[in-house]
Amino acid sequence: MIPLASFFRNNPYFMITILKEINNQIAENKENYFQDSCNLVLETFNPKNFYLAQNGIVIYFQQYDIAPYSSGIPTFLIKF
């Protein structure tokens, strides 16, 4: 397995960049997430929960971590 940090070698603050992008994407569709989703992102973020996509990395959370079950598995594309 390749650790998430390997994709951000030139950015020692990559976690901040990722978390900001996730929260920006949540802000675009707040109604799909729990009210305190920004705090929940910080609490439940797991750097092992990602996969590669054609144009970036997709970070995913487990059901009920940051959104109701009916929302499915929350995913966030972080573009390269």
C-alpha atoms as a PDB file:
ATOM      1  CA  MET A   1       0.000   0.000   0.000  1.00  0.00           C
ATOM      2  CA  ILE A   2       1.096   3.502  -0.765  1.00  0.00           C
ATOM      3  CA  PRO A   3       0.619   5.994   2.082  1.00  0.00           C
ATOM      4  CA  LEU A   4      -1.359   9.156   1.368  1.00  0.00           C
ATOM      5  CA  ALA A   5       1.665  11.340   2.152  1.00  0.00           C
ATOM      6  CA  SER A   6       3.509   9.850  -0.838  1.00  0.00           C
ATOM      7  CA  PHE A   7       1.244  11.760  -3.204  1.00  0.00           C
ATOM      8  CA  PHE A   8       2.043  15.077  -1.539  1.00  0.00           C
ATOM      9  CA  ARG A   9       5.821  14.970  -1.165  1.00  0.00           C
ATOM     10  CA  ASN A  10       6.197  18.700  -1.908  1.00  0.00           C
ATOM     11  CA  ASN A  11       3.512  19.724   0.576  1.00  0.00           C
ATOM     12  CA  PRO A  12       4.290  18.977   4.231  1.00  0.00           C
ATOM     13  CA  TYR A  13       0.897  20.453   5.168  1.00  0.00           C
ATOM     14  CA  PHE A  14      -1.061  18.200   2.816  1.00  0.00           C
ATOM     15  CA  MET A  15      -3.502  17.170   5.549  1.00  0.00           C
ATOM     16  CA  ILE A  16      -4.642  20.771   5.963  1.00  0.00           C
ATOM     17  CA  THR A  17      -5.091  21.054   2.195  1.00  0.00           C
ATOM     18  CA  ILE A  18      -7.156  17.860   2.081  1.00  0.00           C
ATOM     19  CA  LEU A  19      -9.341  18.763   5.051  1.00  0.00           C
ATOM     20  CA  LYS A  20     -10.014  22.249   3.662  1.00  0.00           C
ATOM     21  CA  GLU A  21     -11.063  20.797   0.309  1.00  0.00           C
ATOM     22  CA  ILE A  22     -13.358  18.265   1.973  1.00  0.00           C
ATOM     23  CA  ASN A  23     -15.007  21.007   4.032  1.00  0.00           C
ATOM     24  CA  ASN A  24     -15.383  23.183   0.912  1.00  0.00           C
ATOM     25  CA  GLN A  25     -17.141  20.344  -0.872  1.00  0.00           C
ATOM     26  CA  ILE A  26     -19.392  19.758   2.137  1.00  0.00           C
ATOM     27  CA  ALA A  27     -20.301  23.463   2.170  1.00  0.00           C
ATOM     28  CA  GLU A  28     -21.604  23.135  -1.402  1.00  0.00           C
ATOM     29  CA  ASN A  29     -24.202  20.557  -0.281  1.00  0.00           C
ATOM     30  CA  LYS A  30     -24.654  21.076   3.466  1.00  0.00           C
ATOM     31  CA  GLU A  31     -28.108  19.482   3.443  1.00  0.00           C
ATOM     32  CA  ASN A  32     -26.531  16.060   2.720  1.00  0.00           C
ATOM     33  CA  TYR A  33     -24.384  16.042   5.860  1.00  0.00           C
ATOM     34  CA  PHE A  34     -24.787  16.218   9.628  1.00  0.00           C
ATOM     35  CA  GLN A  35     -24.817  19.739  11.109  1.00  0.00           C
ATOM     36  CA  ASP A  36     -21.446  19.311  12.800  1.00  0.00           C
ATOM     37  CA  SER A  37     -19.865  17.602   9.787  1.00  0.00           C
ATOM     38  CA  CYS A  38     -16.756  19.832   9.831  1.00  0.00           C
ATOM     39  CA  ASN A  39     -15.881  18.622  13.330  1.00  0.00           C
ATOM     40  CA  LEU A  40     -16.799  15.066  12.403  1.00  0.00           C
ATOM     41  CA  VAL A  41     -14.424  15.199   9.430  1.00  0.00           C
ATOM     42  CA  LEU A  42     -11.582  16.042  11.809  1.00  0.00           C
ATOM     43  CA  GLU A  43     -12.565  13.299  14.255  1.00  0.00           C
ATOM     44  CA  THR A  44     -13.167  10.493  11.762  1.00  0.00           C
ATOM     45  CA  PHE A  45     -10.649  11.203   8.988  1.00  0.00           C
ATOM     46  CA  ASN A  46      -8.551   8.121   8.290  1.00  0.00           C
ATOM     47  CA  PRO A  47      -5.567   8.614   5.953  1.00  0.00           C
ATOM     48  CA  LYS A  48      -5.928   4.980   4.854  1.00  0.00           C
ATOM     49  CA  ASN A  49      -9.425   5.586   3.447  1.00  0.00           C
ATOM     50  CA  PHE A  50      -8.615   6.690  -0.083  1.00  0.00           C
ATOM     51  CA  TYR A  51      -8.293   5.373  -3.598  1.00  0.00           C
ATOM     52  CA  LEU A  52      -6.822   6.700  -6.806  1.00  0.00           C
ATOM     53  CA  ALA A  53      -8.992   8.131  -9.554  1.00  0.00           C
ATOM     54  CA  GLN A  54      -8.050   9.293 -13.017  1.00  0.00           C
ATOM     55  CA  ASN A  55      -7.705  12.951 -12.023  1.00  0.00           C
ATOM     56  CA  GLY A  56      -6.915  12.796  -8.324  1.00  0.00           C
ATOM     57  CA  ILE A  57      -7.403  10.981  -5.052  1.00  0.00           C
ATOM     58  CA  VAL A  58     -10.799  10.121  -3.628  1.00  0.00           C
ATOM     59  CA  ILE A  59     -11.102  10.340   0.143  1.00  0.00           C
ATOM     60  CA  TYR A  60     -14.014   8.414   1.598  1.00  0.00           C
ATOM     61  CA  PHE A  61     -15.691   8.158   4.992  1.00  0.00           C
ATOM     62  CA  GLN A  62     -17.728   5.343   6.486  1.00  0.00           C
ATOM     63  CA  GLN A  63     -21.501   5.562   6.572  1.00  0.00           C
ATOM     64  CA  TYR A  64     -22.759   7.581   9.551  1.00  0.00           C
ATOM     65  CA  ASP A  65     -19.332   9.207  10.062  1.00  0.00           C
ATOM     66  CA  ILE A  66     -20.317  12.579   8.610  1.00  0.00           C
ATOM     67  CA  ALA A  67     -23.666  11.980   6.904  1.00  0.00           C
ATOM     68  CA  PRO A  68     -26.842   9.909   7.275  1.00  0.00           C
ATOM     69  CA  TYR A  69     -26.982   6.370   5.912  1.00  0.00           C
ATOM     70  CA  SER A  70     -29.304   7.522   3.115  1.00  0.00           C
ATOM     71  CA  SER A  71     -26.464   9.644   1.699  1.00  0.00           C
ATOM     72  CA  GLY A  72     -24.368   6.566   0.979  1.00  0.00           C
ATOM     73  CA  ILE A  73     -20.620   6.513   1.413  1.00  0.00           C
ATOM     74  CA  PRO A  74     -19.358  10.126   1.375  1.00  0.00           C
ATOM     75  CA  THR A  75     -16.534  10.610  -1.136  1.00  0.00           C
ATOM     76  CA  PHE A  76     -14.444  13.659  -1.951  1.00  0.00           C
ATOM     77  CA  LEU A  77     -12.239  14.059  -5.012  1.00  0.00           C
ATOM     78  CA  ILE A  78      -8.970  15.850  -4.290  1.00  0.00           C
ATOM     79  CA  LYS A  79      -7.574  16.906  -7.670  1.00  0.00           C
ATOM     80  CA  PHE A  80      -3.877  16.823  -8.427  1.00  0.00           C
END
